[in-house]
């Protein structure tokens, strides 16, 4: 729960920046998120009748992000992710992770170059497994 306070502090910290330092049209702030829920029902999935492996696994992923852009050339992006796992009748798989920083980068772009520095997701080609 402590990490949620950090996220709210971040949002409160960056909201007044457009009013303090620039014209109203210079800054653009946006915030968003994504929540996914997946459930798997299993009944004898290892073909061993002696093992009691009947039940379900449920996985939840929550992402919260915010982006601050200055004159469409400088962008600050921060995203946090929380993973939860629920089960009944089957042991957990260990895929849970408390709220943590997923991406945080600073990007500068103009007509000649684009530079992105920080922690970011990398995608190649069709974004399939390499």
N, C-alpha and C. Protein backbone atom coordinates (compact mmCIF):
# COMPACT_ATOMS: atom_id res chain seq x y z
N UNK A 1 0.82 -1.19 0.00
CA UNK A 1 0.00 0.00 0.00
C UNK A 1 0.86 1.26 0.00
N UNK A 2 2.05 1.16 0.54
CA UNK A 2 2.94 2.31 0.61
C UNK A 2 3.28 2.85 -0.78
N UNK A 3 3.41 1.97 -1.76
CA UNK A 3 3.80 2.41 -3.10
C UNK A 3 2.69 3.19 -3.79
N UNK A 4 1.43 2.98 -3.41
CA UNK A 4 0.34 3.77 -3.98
C UNK A 4 0.50 5.24 -3.59
N UNK A 5 0.97 5.49 -2.37
CA UNK A 5 1.19 6.86 -1.94
C UNK A 5 2.26 7.53 -2.79
N UNK A 6 3.27 6.79 -3.19
CA UNK A 6 4.32 7.33 -4.05
C UNK A 6 3.74 7.74 -5.40
N UNK A 7 2.85 6.91 -5.96
CA UNK A 7 2.22 7.23 -7.23
C UNK A 7 1.37 8.50 -7.13
N UNK A 8 0.57 8.61 -6.08
CA UNK A 8 -0.26 9.80 -5.91
C UNK A 8 0.61 11.04 -5.68
N UNK A 9 1.71 10.90 -4.97
CA UNK A 9 2.63 12.01 -4.79
C UNK A 9 3.20 12.46 -6.13
N UNK A 10 3.55 11.50 -6.99
CA UNK A 10 4.07 11.82 -8.32
C UNK A 10 3.06 12.62 -9.13
N UNK A 11 1.80 12.18 -9.12
CA UNK A 11 0.76 12.87 -9.89
C UNK A 11 0.54 14.28 -9.36
N UNK A 12 0.48 14.43 -8.05
CA UNK A 12 0.28 15.75 -7.44
C UNK A 12 1.47 16.65 -7.73
N UNK A 13 2.67 16.07 -7.77
CA UNK A 13 3.88 16.85 -8.01
C UNK A 13 3.91 17.43 -9.42
N UNK A 14 3.51 16.63 -10.43
CA UNK A 14 3.64 17.06 -11.82
C UNK A 14 2.42 17.78 -12.38
N UNK A 15 1.28 17.75 -11.72
CA UNK A 15 0.10 18.44 -12.26
C UNK A 15 0.28 19.96 -12.34
N UNK A 16 0.89 20.65 -11.36
CA UNK A 16 0.96 22.11 -11.46
C UNK A 16 2.07 22.64 -12.35
N UNK A 17 2.93 21.82 -12.90
CA UNK A 17 4.07 22.29 -13.70
C UNK A 17 3.63 23.15 -14.89
N UNK A 18 2.62 22.77 -15.68
CA UNK A 18 2.25 23.61 -16.82
C UNK A 18 1.88 25.03 -16.43
N UNK A 19 1.26 25.21 -15.28
CA UNK A 19 0.83 26.54 -14.87
C UNK A 19 1.99 27.39 -14.36
N UNK A 20 3.04 26.76 -13.88
CA UNK A 20 4.14 27.50 -13.27
C UNK A 20 5.16 28.04 -14.27
N UNK A 21 5.50 27.27 -15.28
CA UNK A 21 6.67 27.59 -16.09
C UNK A 21 6.42 27.95 -17.55
N UNK A 22 5.25 27.77 -18.07
CA UNK A 22 5.09 27.96 -19.51
C UNK A 22 3.68 28.45 -19.84
N UNK A 23 3.49 28.67 -21.12
CA UNK A 23 2.18 29.03 -21.64
C UNK A 23 1.26 27.81 -21.53
N UNK A 24 -0.03 28.01 -21.49
CA UNK A 24 -0.96 26.89 -21.34
C UNK A 24 -0.85 25.84 -22.44
N UNK A 25 -0.50 26.24 -23.65
CA UNK A 25 -0.43 25.28 -24.75
C UNK A 25 0.91 24.56 -24.84
N UNK A 26 1.89 24.95 -24.05
CA UNK A 26 3.22 24.32 -24.13
C UNK A 26 3.24 22.92 -23.53
N UNK A 27 2.49 22.68 -22.47
CA UNK A 27 2.50 21.39 -21.77
C UNK A 27 1.22 20.62 -22.04
N UNK A 28 1.35 19.31 -22.06
CA UNK A 28 0.21 18.43 -22.18
C UNK A 28 0.41 17.28 -21.20
N UNK A 29 -0.55 17.07 -20.30
CA UNK A 29 -0.47 15.99 -19.32
C UNK A 29 -1.59 15.01 -19.57
N UNK A 30 -1.26 13.72 -19.55
CA UNK A 30 -2.28 12.70 -19.69
C UNK A 30 -1.97 11.56 -18.72
N UNK A 31 -3.01 10.90 -18.28
CA UNK A 31 -2.88 9.76 -17.37
C UNK A 31 -3.81 8.67 -17.87
N UNK A 32 -3.40 7.44 -17.65
CA UNK A 32 -4.21 6.32 -18.12
C UNK A 32 -3.89 5.05 -17.36
N UNK A 33 -4.48 3.98 -17.80
CA UNK A 33 -4.25 2.71 -17.15
C UNK A 33 -4.85 1.57 -17.93
N UNK A 34 -4.57 0.38 -17.46
CA UNK A 34 -5.06 -0.84 -18.10
C UNK A 34 -5.19 -1.91 -17.03
N UNK A 35 -6.28 -2.66 -17.09
CA UNK A 35 -6.45 -3.77 -16.16
C UNK A 35 -6.82 -5.01 -16.96
N UNK A 36 -6.12 -6.11 -16.68
CA UNK A 36 -6.40 -7.38 -17.35
C UNK A 36 -6.65 -8.45 -16.31
N UNK A 37 -7.60 -9.32 -16.60
CA UNK A 37 -7.93 -10.42 -15.70
C UNK A 37 -8.05 -11.69 -16.53
N UNK A 38 -7.37 -12.73 -16.11
CA UNK A 38 -7.40 -14.01 -16.82
C UNK A 38 -7.62 -15.12 -15.81
N UNK A 39 -8.46 -16.09 -16.16
CA UNK A 39 -8.74 -17.21 -15.27
C UNK A 39 -8.55 -18.51 -16.03
N UNK A 40 -7.97 -19.49 -15.36
CA UNK A 40 -7.75 -20.82 -15.95
C UNK A 40 -8.37 -21.87 -15.03
N UNK A 41 -9.24 -22.71 -15.61
CA UNK A 41 -9.79 -23.83 -14.87
C UNK A 41 -9.02 -25.08 -15.28
N UNK A 42 -8.59 -25.85 -14.29
CA UNK A 42 -7.80 -27.05 -14.58
C UNK A 42 -8.45 -28.26 -13.91
N UNK A 43 -8.49 -29.35 -14.67
CA UNK A 43 -9.02 -30.60 -14.16
C UNK A 43 -8.14 -31.72 -14.69
N UNK A 44 -7.27 -32.26 -13.86
CA UNK A 44 -6.36 -33.34 -14.22
C UNK A 44 -5.49 -32.95 -15.42
N UNK A 45 -4.85 -31.78 -15.35
CA UNK A 45 -4.08 -31.28 -16.49
C UNK A 45 -2.75 -31.98 -16.66
N UNK A 46 -2.30 -32.78 -15.70
CA UNK A 46 -1.04 -33.52 -15.88
C UNK A 46 -1.28 -35.02 -16.12
N UNK A 47 -2.52 -35.44 -16.34
CA UNK A 47 -2.91 -36.82 -16.63
C UNK A 47 -2.46 -37.79 -15.54
N UNK A 48 -2.38 -37.34 -14.30
CA UNK A 48 -2.05 -38.17 -13.16
C UNK A 48 -3.26 -38.20 -12.24
N UNK A 49 -3.99 -39.32 -12.21
CA UNK A 49 -5.21 -39.40 -11.43
C UNK A 49 -4.95 -39.38 -9.93
N UNK A 50 -3.72 -39.70 -9.52
CA UNK A 50 -3.39 -39.70 -8.10
C UNK A 50 -3.20 -38.29 -7.54
N UNK A 51 -2.85 -37.35 -8.39
CA UNK A 51 -2.63 -35.97 -7.94
C UNK A 51 -3.96 -35.22 -7.89
N UNK A 52 -4.14 -34.45 -6.84
CA UNK A 52 -5.34 -33.63 -6.71
C UNK A 52 -5.06 -32.27 -7.34
N UNK A 53 -5.32 -32.17 -8.63
CA UNK A 53 -5.02 -30.94 -9.36
C UNK A 53 -6.26 -30.39 -10.07
N UNK A 54 -7.32 -30.32 -9.33
CA UNK A 54 -8.56 -29.76 -9.86
C UNK A 54 -8.80 -28.42 -9.18
N UNK A 55 -8.97 -27.38 -9.97
CA UNK A 55 -9.19 -26.06 -9.40
C UNK A 55 -9.02 -24.98 -10.44
N UNK A 56 -8.70 -23.78 -9.97
CA UNK A 56 -8.54 -22.66 -10.88
C UNK A 56 -7.37 -21.79 -10.44
N UNK A 57 -6.86 -21.07 -11.41
CA UNK A 57 -5.86 -20.01 -11.20
C UNK A 57 -6.42 -18.74 -11.83
N UNK A 58 -6.25 -17.63 -11.15
CA UNK A 58 -6.68 -16.34 -11.69
C UNK A 58 -5.52 -15.36 -11.59
N UNK A 59 -5.33 -14.59 -12.65
CA UNK A 59 -4.24 -13.61 -12.72
C UNK A 59 -4.82 -12.24 -13.03
N UNK A 60 -4.33 -11.23 -12.33
CA UNK A 60 -4.78 -9.85 -12.56
C UNK A 60 -3.56 -8.96 -12.75
N UNK A 61 -3.59 -8.11 -13.76
CA UNK A 61 -2.52 -7.15 -14.01
C UNK A 61 -3.12 -5.76 -14.11
N UNK A 62 -2.53 -4.83 -13.36
CA UNK A 62 -2.99 -3.45 -13.35
C UNK A 62 -1.80 -2.56 -13.69
N UNK A 63 -1.97 -1.72 -14.70
CA UNK A 63 -0.95 -0.74 -15.08
C UNK A 63 -1.56 0.66 -14.97
N UNK A 64 -0.78 1.58 -14.37
CA UNK A 64 -1.18 2.97 -14.26
C UNK A 64 -0.04 3.81 -14.80
N UNK A 65 -0.35 4.75 -15.70
CA UNK A 65 0.72 5.53 -16.30
C UNK A 65 0.33 7.00 -16.41
N UNK A 66 1.35 7.82 -16.58
CA UNK A 66 1.14 9.24 -16.85
C UNK A 66 2.24 9.74 -17.77
N UNK A 67 1.87 10.72 -18.58
CA UNK A 67 2.80 11.29 -19.56
C UNK A 67 2.69 12.80 -19.53
N UNK A 68 3.85 13.45 -19.45
CA UNK A 68 3.94 14.89 -19.49
C UNK A 68 4.77 15.27 -20.70
N UNK A 69 4.19 16.07 -21.61
CA UNK A 69 4.86 16.45 -22.85
C UNK A 69 5.01 17.96 -22.90
N UNK A 70 6.20 18.40 -23.31
CA UNK A 70 6.49 19.82 -23.46
C UNK A 70 6.73 20.13 -24.94
N UNK A 71 5.85 20.93 -25.52
CA UNK A 71 5.94 21.37 -26.92
C UNK A 71 6.18 20.25 -27.92
N UNK A 72 5.68 19.07 -27.66
CA UNK A 72 5.78 17.90 -28.52
C UNK A 72 7.22 17.48 -28.81
N UNK A 73 8.17 17.97 -28.05
CA UNK A 73 9.57 17.58 -28.25
C UNK A 73 10.15 16.85 -27.06
N UNK A 74 9.72 17.16 -25.86
CA UNK A 74 10.26 16.54 -24.65
C UNK A 74 9.12 15.84 -23.92
N UNK A 75 9.32 14.54 -23.63
CA UNK A 75 8.28 13.74 -23.00
C UNK A 75 8.83 13.00 -21.79
N UNK A 76 8.10 13.05 -20.69
CA UNK A 76 8.40 12.28 -19.49
C UNK A 76 7.27 11.28 -19.31
N UNK A 77 7.61 9.98 -19.25
CA UNK A 77 6.60 8.93 -19.14
C UNK A 77 6.94 8.06 -17.94
N UNK A 78 5.95 7.78 -17.09
CA UNK A 78 6.13 6.92 -15.92
C UNK A 78 4.95 5.96 -15.86
N UNK A 79 5.27 4.66 -15.64
CA UNK A 79 4.23 3.63 -15.57
C UNK A 79 4.55 2.65 -14.45
N UNK A 80 3.56 2.35 -13.64
CA UNK A 80 3.68 1.35 -12.60
C UNK A 80 2.81 0.15 -12.92
N UNK A 81 3.22 -1.04 -12.42
CA UNK A 81 2.46 -2.26 -12.72
C UNK A 81 2.32 -3.10 -11.45
N UNK A 82 1.14 -3.68 -11.27
CA UNK A 82 0.85 -4.54 -10.13
C UNK A 82 0.30 -5.86 -10.66
N UNK A 83 0.87 -6.97 -10.20
CA UNK A 83 0.43 -8.30 -10.63
C UNK A 83 -0.07 -9.07 -9.42
N UNK A 84 -1.25 -9.67 -9.54
CA UNK A 84 -1.84 -10.46 -8.46
C UNK A 84 -2.19 -11.85 -9.00
N UNK A 85 -2.20 -12.81 -8.08
CA UNK A 85 -2.51 -14.20 -8.45
C UNK A 85 -3.42 -14.77 -7.37
N UNK A 86 -4.49 -15.42 -7.81
CA UNK A 86 -5.45 -16.05 -6.89
C UNK A 86 -5.61 -17.50 -7.32
N UNK A 87 -5.86 -18.39 -6.35
CA UNK A 87 -6.01 -19.80 -6.72
C UNK A 87 -6.94 -20.50 -5.74
N UNK A 88 -7.44 -21.66 -6.18
CA UNK A 88 -8.24 -22.53 -5.33
C UNK A 88 -8.02 -23.96 -5.81
N UNK A 89 -7.48 -24.80 -4.97
CA UNK A 89 -7.25 -26.19 -5.31
C UNK A 89 -5.94 -26.47 -6.00
N UNK A 90 -5.26 -25.46 -6.45
CA UNK A 90 -3.97 -25.59 -7.15
C UNK A 90 -2.99 -24.64 -6.47
N UNK A 91 -1.74 -25.06 -6.35
CA UNK A 91 -0.77 -24.15 -5.73
C UNK A 91 -0.43 -23.00 -6.67
N UNK A 92 -0.04 -21.88 -6.07
CA UNK A 92 0.28 -20.68 -6.86
C UNK A 92 1.53 -20.90 -7.70
N UNK A 93 1.61 -20.16 -8.80
CA UNK A 93 2.73 -20.30 -9.73
C UNK A 93 3.86 -19.32 -9.44
N UNK A 94 3.66 -18.38 -8.57
CA UNK A 94 4.71 -17.40 -8.25
C UNK A 94 4.81 -16.25 -9.23
N UNK A 95 3.73 -15.92 -9.91
CA UNK A 95 3.75 -14.84 -10.89
C UNK A 95 3.27 -13.51 -10.32
N UNK A 96 3.05 -13.44 -9.01
CA UNK A 96 2.57 -12.21 -8.39
C UNK A 96 3.74 -11.26 -8.14
N UNK A 97 3.46 -9.96 -8.20
CA UNK A 97 4.46 -8.94 -7.93
C UNK A 97 3.73 -7.70 -7.43
N UNK A 98 4.17 -7.18 -6.29
CA UNK A 98 3.57 -5.96 -5.74
C UNK A 98 3.77 -4.80 -6.70
N UNK A 99 3.06 -3.72 -6.48
CA UNK A 99 3.14 -2.55 -7.35
C UNK A 99 4.59 -2.10 -7.48
N UNK A 100 5.06 -1.97 -8.70
CA UNK A 100 6.45 -1.67 -8.97
C UNK A 100 6.55 -0.80 -10.22
N UNK A 101 7.69 -0.16 -10.37
CA UNK A 101 7.93 0.68 -11.55
C UNK A 101 8.16 -0.21 -12.77
N UNK A 102 7.37 0.00 -13.81
CA UNK A 102 7.51 -0.78 -15.03
C UNK A 102 8.29 -0.01 -16.09
N UNK A 103 7.94 1.25 -16.30
CA UNK A 103 8.64 2.10 -17.27
C UNK A 103 8.79 3.50 -16.69
N UNK A 104 9.90 4.12 -16.99
CA UNK A 104 10.14 5.53 -16.65
C UNK A 104 11.22 6.02 -17.60
N UNK A 105 10.85 6.90 -18.50
CA UNK A 105 11.84 7.39 -19.46
C UNK A 105 11.59 8.85 -19.82
N UNK A 106 12.64 9.45 -20.32
CA UNK A 106 12.61 10.81 -20.84
C UNK A 106 12.96 10.73 -22.32
N UNK A 107 12.14 11.34 -23.16
CA UNK A 107 12.33 11.25 -24.61
C UNK A 107 12.41 12.65 -25.21
N UNK A 108 13.42 12.85 -26.06
CA UNK A 108 13.57 14.10 -26.79
C UNK A 108 13.54 13.79 -28.28
N UNK A 109 12.72 14.51 -29.02
CA UNK A 109 12.68 14.29 -30.48
C UNK A 109 12.51 15.62 -31.20
N UNK A 110 13.18 15.69 -32.32
CA UNK A 110 13.02 16.83 -33.23
C UNK A 110 13.07 16.28 -34.65
N UNK A 111 13.24 17.13 -35.63
CA UNK A 111 13.23 16.67 -37.02
C UNK A 111 14.46 15.83 -37.39
N UNK A 112 15.54 15.95 -36.62
CA UNK A 112 16.79 15.23 -36.95
C UNK A 112 17.03 13.98 -36.12
N UNK A 113 16.61 13.98 -34.86
CA UNK A 113 16.95 12.86 -33.98
C UNK A 113 15.84 12.58 -32.98
N UNK A 114 15.93 11.37 -32.42
CA UNK A 114 15.02 10.96 -31.36
C UNK A 114 15.84 10.20 -30.33
N UNK A 115 15.84 10.67 -29.09
CA UNK A 115 16.62 10.06 -28.02
C UNK A 115 15.67 9.70 -26.88
N UNK A 116 15.74 8.45 -26.43
CA UNK A 116 14.91 7.99 -25.33
C UNK A 116 15.82 7.37 -24.28
N UNK A 117 15.80 7.92 -23.06
CA UNK A 117 16.67 7.47 -21.98
C UNK A 117 15.82 7.04 -20.79
N UNK A 118 16.13 5.86 -20.25
CA UNK A 118 15.43 5.39 -19.06
C UNK A 118 14.99 3.96 -19.19
N UNK A 119 14.15 3.54 -18.30
CA UNK A 119 13.63 2.17 -18.28
C UNK A 119 12.41 2.12 -19.20
N UNK A 120 12.44 1.23 -20.19
CA UNK A 120 11.38 1.18 -21.18
C UNK A 120 11.20 -0.22 -21.73
N UNK A 121 10.03 -0.50 -22.25
CA UNK A 121 9.77 -1.76 -22.93
C UNK A 121 10.34 -1.67 -24.33
N UNK A 122 11.00 -2.71 -24.74
CA UNK A 122 11.55 -2.76 -26.09
C UNK A 122 10.71 -3.69 -26.94
N UNK A 123 10.35 -3.25 -28.13
CA UNK A 123 9.58 -4.08 -29.05
C UNK A 123 10.30 -4.15 -30.38
N UNK A 124 10.38 -5.36 -30.91
CA UNK A 124 11.09 -5.59 -32.16
C UNK A 124 10.12 -6.17 -33.20
N UNK A 125 10.14 -5.65 -34.38
CA UNK A 125 9.36 -6.20 -35.50
C UNK A 125 7.88 -6.29 -35.16
N UNK A 126 7.35 -7.52 -35.23
CA UNK A 126 5.93 -7.77 -34.96
C UNK A 126 5.66 -7.97 -33.48
N UNK A 127 6.62 -7.70 -32.63
CA UNK A 127 6.52 -7.83 -31.17
C UNK A 127 6.22 -9.26 -30.75
N UNK A 128 6.78 -10.21 -31.46
CA UNK A 128 6.67 -11.62 -31.08
C UNK A 128 7.89 -12.01 -30.27
N UNK A 129 7.84 -13.19 -29.70
CA UNK A 129 8.98 -13.67 -28.92
C UNK A 129 10.16 -13.89 -29.84
N UNK A 130 11.32 -13.37 -29.42
CA UNK A 130 12.54 -13.49 -30.24
C UNK A 130 13.20 -14.82 -29.97
